[in-house]
Amino acid sequence: MSLIELFTDYILNRKNLKEYVEMRKTIHERGEFNDAKLIQAEENLQRLKKEEPEIYEGMYETLGKIYARNAGLTIEYPLDFIRQILKMYKGSHTPKQVYEEYKRVLEHYHHDI
């Protein structure tokens, strides 16, 4: 299994990203995110799940819809998802704002050329 396939599996199946950080050490490929970013993403996901479960579910529902549309590069879907999760609780972005921004992707997702 390649690193991106493993990462995608962890995202889609809501597995703990801290475990992914350890697992990927056995694969000699470079990932998009460093360990600290992935650990922060996992902490954000757990906080979101606890404090705002409707937004947590909505984020995964939106990711599922993005996959269902199959528009764009599928390897980017889990990467974009984590980028959005990393925006939460950072600066002036609220989880609701990030979620609303993420949902807008469905309105104008690009297609591969």
N, C-alpha and C. Protein backbone atom coordinates (compact mmCIF):
# COMPACT_ATOMS: atom_id res chain seq x y z
N MET A 1 0.85 -1.17 0.00
CA MET A 1 0.00 0.00 0.00
C MET A 1 0.90 1.24 0.00
N SER A 2 0.60 2.18 -0.87
CA SER A 2 1.39 3.41 -0.93
C SER A 2 1.01 4.33 0.24
N LEU A 3 1.82 5.33 0.45
CA LEU A 3 1.58 6.27 1.54
C LEU A 3 0.25 7.00 1.36
N ILE A 4 -0.06 7.45 0.15
CA ILE A 4 -1.32 8.17 -0.08
C ILE A 4 -2.51 7.24 0.11
N GLU A 5 -2.37 5.99 -0.27
CA GLU A 5 -3.47 5.03 -0.05
C GLU A 5 -3.68 4.80 1.44
N LEU A 6 -2.61 4.70 2.18
CA LEU A 6 -2.69 4.52 3.62
C LEU A 6 -3.32 5.76 4.27
N PHE A 7 -2.88 6.92 3.85
CA PHE A 7 -3.41 8.18 4.38
C PHE A 7 -4.91 8.28 4.09
N THR A 8 -5.29 7.97 2.87
CA THR A 8 -6.70 8.02 2.47
C THR A 8 -7.53 7.06 3.33
N ASP A 9 -7.02 5.87 3.56
CA ASP A 9 -7.71 4.90 4.41
C ASP A 9 -7.91 5.46 5.82
N TYR A 10 -6.89 6.08 6.37
CA TYR A 10 -7.00 6.64 7.71
C TYR A 10 -8.04 7.77 7.75
N ILE A 11 -8.09 8.59 6.72
CA ILE A 11 -9.04 9.70 6.69
C ILE A 11 -10.46 9.18 6.51
N LEU A 12 -10.68 8.38 5.49
CA LEU A 12 -12.04 7.92 5.19
C LEU A 12 -12.64 7.05 6.29
N ASN A 13 -11.81 6.30 6.97
CA ASN A 13 -12.30 5.40 8.02
C ASN A 13 -12.15 5.99 9.42
N ARG A 14 -11.83 7.28 9.46
CA ARG A 14 -11.77 8.02 10.72
C ARG A 14 -10.83 7.38 11.74
N LYS A 15 -9.74 6.88 11.23
CA LYS A 15 -8.74 6.27 12.11
C LYS A 15 -7.88 7.36 12.75
N ASN A 16 -7.24 7.04 13.83
CA ASN A 16 -6.43 7.99 14.58
C ASN A 16 -5.16 8.35 13.80
N LEU A 17 -4.99 9.63 13.54
CA LEU A 17 -3.83 10.07 12.75
C LEU A 17 -2.52 9.93 13.52
N LYS A 18 -2.59 9.84 14.83
CA LYS A 18 -1.36 9.61 15.60
C LYS A 18 -0.83 8.21 15.30
N GLU A 19 -1.73 7.26 15.07
CA GLU A 19 -1.31 5.91 14.67
C GLU A 19 -0.72 5.93 13.26
N TYR A 20 -1.32 6.75 12.40
CA TYR A 20 -0.80 6.89 11.03
C TYR A 20 0.64 7.42 11.04
N VAL A 21 0.90 8.38 11.92
CA VAL A 21 2.25 8.95 12.03
C VAL A 21 3.26 7.84 12.31
N GLU A 22 2.91 6.93 13.19
CA GLU A 22 3.81 5.81 13.50
C GLU A 22 3.89 4.83 12.34
N MET A 23 2.76 4.53 11.73
CA MET A 23 2.70 3.55 10.63
C MET A 23 3.52 4.01 9.43
N ARG A 24 3.45 5.30 9.13
CA ARG A 24 4.12 5.78 7.91
C ARG A 24 5.64 5.76 8.03
N LYS A 25 6.15 5.62 9.22
CA LYS A 25 7.60 5.55 9.41
C LYS A 25 8.19 4.30 8.76
N THR A 26 7.34 3.32 8.49
CA THR A 26 7.81 2.09 7.84
C THR A 26 7.76 2.17 6.32
N ILE A 27 7.20 3.27 5.81
CA ILE A 27 7.08 3.46 4.36
C ILE A 27 8.05 4.56 3.94
N HIS A 28 8.85 4.27 2.96
CA HIS A 28 9.88 5.22 2.54
C HIS A 28 9.39 6.10 1.41
N GLU A 29 8.37 6.90 1.74
CA GLU A 29 7.84 7.91 0.82
C GLU A 29 7.66 9.18 1.62
N ARG A 30 7.69 10.28 0.92
CA ARG A 30 7.51 11.57 1.58
C ARG A 30 6.03 11.92 1.60
N GLY A 31 5.52 12.32 2.76
CA GLY A 31 4.12 12.72 2.89
C GLY A 31 3.94 14.21 2.75
N GLU A 32 2.73 14.62 2.61
CA GLU A 32 2.38 16.03 2.46
C GLU A 32 2.55 16.81 3.77
N PHE A 33 2.24 16.16 4.89
CA PHE A 33 2.24 16.82 6.19
C PHE A 33 3.31 16.23 7.10
N ASN A 34 3.93 17.08 7.91
CA ASN A 34 4.89 16.56 8.88
C ASN A 34 4.13 15.99 10.09
N ASP A 35 4.86 15.33 10.96
CA ASP A 35 4.24 14.67 12.12
C ASP A 35 3.46 15.66 12.99
N ALA A 36 4.03 16.82 13.23
CA ALA A 36 3.37 17.81 14.10
C ALA A 36 2.03 18.26 13.52
N LYS A 37 1.98 18.46 12.21
CA LYS A 37 0.72 18.87 11.55
C LYS A 37 -0.33 17.78 11.66
N LEU A 38 0.08 16.53 11.48
CA LEU A 38 -0.86 15.42 11.56
C LEU A 38 -1.38 15.24 12.99
N ILE A 39 -0.51 15.41 13.95
CA ILE A 39 -0.93 15.31 15.35
C ILE A 39 -1.89 16.46 15.68
N GLN A 40 -1.60 17.65 15.18
CA GLN A 40 -2.50 18.79 15.38
C GLN A 40 -3.85 18.53 14.72
N ALA A 41 -3.85 17.95 13.53
CA ALA A 41 -5.10 17.63 12.85
C ALA A 41 -5.92 16.63 13.67
N GLU A 42 -5.27 15.62 14.22
CA GLU A 42 -5.97 14.64 15.06
C GLU A 42 -6.56 15.31 16.30
N GLU A 43 -5.79 16.19 16.92
CA GLU A 43 -6.29 16.91 18.10
C GLU A 43 -7.48 17.79 17.73
N ASN A 44 -7.41 18.45 16.57
CA ASN A 44 -8.53 19.27 16.11
C ASN A 44 -9.76 18.41 15.85
N LEU A 45 -9.56 17.25 15.22
CA LEU A 45 -10.69 16.35 14.96
C LEU A 45 -11.34 15.88 16.25
N GLN A 46 -10.54 15.51 17.23
CA GLN A 46 -11.09 15.05 18.51
C GLN A 46 -11.83 16.18 19.23
N ARG A 47 -11.26 17.37 19.18
CA ARG A 47 -11.92 18.52 19.81
C ARG A 47 -13.23 18.83 19.10
N LEU A 48 -13.21 18.80 17.78
CA LEU A 48 -14.41 19.06 16.99
C LEU A 48 -15.48 18.01 17.28
N LYS A 49 -15.09 16.76 17.35
CA LYS A 49 -16.02 15.66 17.63
C LYS A 49 -16.68 15.86 19.00
N LYS A 50 -15.91 16.32 19.96
CA LYS A 50 -16.42 16.52 21.31
C LYS A 50 -17.27 17.79 21.44
N GLU A 51 -16.76 18.89 20.90
CA GLU A 51 -17.40 20.20 21.10
C GLU A 51 -18.47 20.53 20.07
N GLU A 52 -18.28 20.05 18.85
CA GLU A 52 -19.23 20.40 17.78
C GLU A 52 -19.44 19.18 16.88
N PRO A 53 -20.12 18.16 17.42
CA PRO A 53 -20.27 16.90 16.67
C PRO A 53 -21.01 17.05 15.34
N GLU A 54 -21.90 18.03 15.24
CA GLU A 54 -22.61 18.22 13.97
C GLU A 54 -21.68 18.71 12.87
N ILE A 55 -20.71 19.54 13.22
CA ILE A 55 -19.74 20.01 12.24
C ILE A 55 -18.76 18.89 11.91
N TYR A 56 -18.37 18.12 12.91
CA TYR A 56 -17.51 16.95 12.68
C TYR A 56 -18.16 16.02 11.66
N GLU A 57 -19.41 15.67 11.88
CA GLU A 57 -20.12 14.78 10.95
C GLU A 57 -20.28 15.44 9.58
N GLY A 58 -20.56 16.74 9.59
CA GLY A 58 -20.74 17.47 8.34
C GLY A 58 -19.48 17.50 7.50
N MET A 59 -18.33 17.62 8.15
CA MET A 59 -17.07 17.61 7.41
C MET A 59 -16.89 16.28 6.69
N TYR A 60 -17.14 15.18 7.39
CA TYR A 60 -17.00 13.86 6.76
C TYR A 60 -18.07 13.62 5.70
N GLU A 61 -19.26 14.14 5.94
CA GLU A 61 -20.33 14.01 4.95
C GLU A 61 -19.95 14.75 3.67
N THR A 62 -19.40 15.95 3.83
CA THR A 62 -18.95 16.73 2.68
C THR A 62 -17.84 15.99 1.94
N LEU A 63 -16.89 15.43 2.67
CA LEU A 63 -15.82 14.65 2.04
C LEU A 63 -16.41 13.49 1.24
N GLY A 64 -17.41 12.82 1.80
CA GLY A 64 -18.06 11.72 1.09
C GLY A 64 -18.73 12.19 -0.19
N LYS A 65 -19.36 13.36 -0.15
CA LYS A 65 -20.01 13.92 -1.35
C LYS A 65 -18.97 14.29 -2.40
N ILE A 66 -17.83 14.80 -1.95
CA ILE A 66 -16.76 15.15 -2.89
C ILE A 66 -16.27 13.89 -3.60
N TYR A 67 -16.09 12.81 -2.85
CA TYR A 67 -15.69 11.54 -3.47
C TYR A 67 -16.76 11.04 -4.43
N ALA A 68 -18.02 11.18 -4.05
CA ALA A 68 -19.13 10.70 -4.89
C ALA A 68 -19.18 11.45 -6.22
N ARG A 69 -18.84 12.73 -6.21
CA ARG A 69 -18.85 13.51 -7.45
C ARG A 69 -17.68 13.15 -8.35
N ASN A 70 -16.60 12.68 -7.73
CA ASN A 70 -15.42 12.25 -8.47
C ASN A 70 -14.94 13.31 -9.46
N ALA A 71 -14.87 14.54 -8.98
CA ALA A 71 -14.39 15.64 -9.81
C ALA A 71 -13.05 16.09 -9.26
N GLY A 72 -12.07 16.22 -10.10
CA GLY A 72 -10.76 16.64 -9.63
C GLY A 72 -9.87 15.44 -9.36
N LEU A 73 -8.76 15.71 -8.74
CA LEU A 73 -7.79 14.66 -8.44
C LEU A 73 -8.14 13.99 -7.12
N THR A 74 -8.50 12.73 -7.15
CA THR A 74 -8.95 12.05 -5.94
C THR A 74 -7.88 11.99 -4.86
N ILE A 75 -6.61 12.01 -5.22
CA ILE A 75 -5.58 11.99 -4.18
C ILE A 75 -5.57 13.30 -3.38
N GLU A 76 -6.14 14.35 -3.94
CA GLU A 76 -6.19 15.63 -3.25
C GLU A 76 -7.30 15.69 -2.21
N TYR A 77 -8.33 14.86 -2.33
CA TYR A 77 -9.49 14.95 -1.42
C TYR A 77 -9.11 14.83 0.05
N PRO A 78 -8.39 13.79 0.47
CA PRO A 78 -8.04 13.71 1.89
C PRO A 78 -7.04 14.78 2.32
N LEU A 79 -6.19 15.21 1.40
CA LEU A 79 -5.23 16.27 1.70
C LEU A 79 -5.96 17.59 1.96
N ASP A 80 -6.93 17.90 1.09
CA ASP A 80 -7.72 19.12 1.27
C ASP A 80 -8.52 19.06 2.57
N PHE A 81 -9.05 17.89 2.87
CA PHE A 81 -9.81 17.71 4.11
C PHE A 81 -8.94 18.06 5.32
N ILE A 82 -7.74 17.54 5.37
CA ILE A 82 -6.85 17.82 6.50
C ILE A 82 -6.44 19.29 6.51
N ARG A 83 -6.24 19.89 5.35
CA ARG A 83 -5.92 21.32 5.32
C ARG A 83 -7.03 22.13 5.99
N GLN A 84 -8.27 21.74 5.72
CA GLN A 84 -9.40 22.44 6.35
C GLN A 84 -9.43 22.19 7.86
N ILE A 85 -9.19 20.98 8.27
CA ILE A 85 -9.18 20.64 9.70
C ILE A 85 -8.10 21.45 10.42
N LEU A 86 -6.96 21.62 9.76
CA LEU A 86 -5.87 22.39 10.37
C LEU A 86 -6.20 23.87 10.53
N LYS A 87 -7.13 24.39 9.73
CA LYS A 87 -7.54 25.79 9.85
C LYS A 87 -8.38 26.03 11.10
N MET A 88 -9.04 24.97 11.58
CA MET A 88 -9.93 25.11 12.72
C MET A 88 -9.14 25.43 13.98
N TYR A 89 -9.71 26.28 14.79
CA TYR A 89 -9.11 26.68 16.07
C TYR A 89 -7.79 27.42 15.88
N LYS A 90 -7.60 27.97 14.69
CA LYS A 90 -6.37 28.70 14.40
C LYS A 90 -6.77 30.10 13.94
N GLY A 91 -6.21 31.09 14.55
CA GLY A 91 -6.52 32.45 14.17
C GLY A 91 -7.98 32.78 14.42
N SER A 92 -8.58 33.50 13.49
CA SER A 92 -9.96 33.94 13.67
C SER A 92 -10.97 32.99 13.04
N HIS A 93 -10.51 31.88 12.46
CA HIS A 93 -11.43 30.93 11.83
C HIS A 93 -12.15 30.08 12.87
N THR A 94 -13.47 30.10 12.82
CA THR A 94 -14.23 29.20 13.69
C THR A 94 -14.48 27.91 12.92
N PRO A 95 -14.72 26.81 13.62
CA PRO A 95 -15.03 25.56 12.91
C PRO A 95 -16.21 25.72 11.95
N LYS A 96 -17.22 26.48 12.35
CA LYS A 96 -18.39 26.66 11.48
C LYS A 96 -17.99 27.38 10.19
N GLN A 97 -17.14 28.40 10.30
CA GLN A 97 -16.68 29.12 9.11
C GLN A 97 -15.90 28.20 8.18
N VAL A 98 -15.02 27.40 8.76
CA VAL A 98 -14.23 26.47 7.95
C VAL A 98 -15.14 25.46 7.27
N TYR A 99 -16.11 24.95 8.01
CA TYR A 99 -17.07 23.98 7.46
C TYR A 99 -17.86 24.59 6.31
N GLU A 100 -18.36 25.80 6.48
CA GLU A 100 -19.12 26.46 5.41
C GLU A 100 -18.25 26.68 4.17
N GLU A 101 -17.01 27.05 4.39
CA GLU A 101 -16.06 27.23 3.28
C GLU A 101 -15.82 25.91 2.57
N TYR A 102 -15.64 24.85 3.34
CA TYR A 102 -15.39 23.52 2.77
C TYR A 102 -16.59 23.04 1.96
N LYS A 103 -17.80 23.28 2.44
CA LYS A 103 -19.00 22.86 1.71
C LYS A 103 -19.12 23.57 0.36
N ARG A 104 -18.62 24.79 0.28
CA ARG A 104 -18.70 25.53 -0.99
C ARG A 104 -17.91 24.85 -2.11
N VAL A 105 -16.96 24.01 -1.73
CA VAL A 105 -16.19 23.25 -2.73
C VAL A 105 -17.14 22.46 -3.62
N LEU A 106 -18.23 21.98 -3.05
CA LEU A 106 -19.20 21.18 -3.82
C LEU A 106 -19.86 22.00 -4.92
N GLU A 107 -19.96 23.30 -4.72
CA GLU A 107 -20.62 24.16 -5.71
C GLU A 107 -19.77 24.38 -6.96
N HIS A 108 -18.47 24.32 -6.82
CA HIS A 108 -17.61 24.66 -7.96
C HIS A 108 -16.34 23.83 -8.03
N TYR A 109 -16.44 22.55 -7.75
CA TYR A 109 -15.25 21.70 -7.80
C TYR A 109 -14.79 21.55 -9.23
N HIS A 110 -13.49 21.71 -9.47
CA HIS A 110 -12.92 21.64 -10.82
C HIS A 110 -12.87 20.20 -11.32
N HIS A 111 -12.77 20.05 -12.61
CA HIS A 111 -12.64 18.74 -13.24
C HIS A 111 -11.24 18.58 -13.81
N ASP A 112 -10.78 17.32 -13.87
CA ASP A 112 -9.49 17.06 -14.50
C ASP A 112 -9.56 17.40 -15.98
N ILE A 113 -8.45 17.82 -16.50
CA ILE A 113 -8.40 18.14 -17.94
C ILE A 113 -7.79 16.98 -18.67
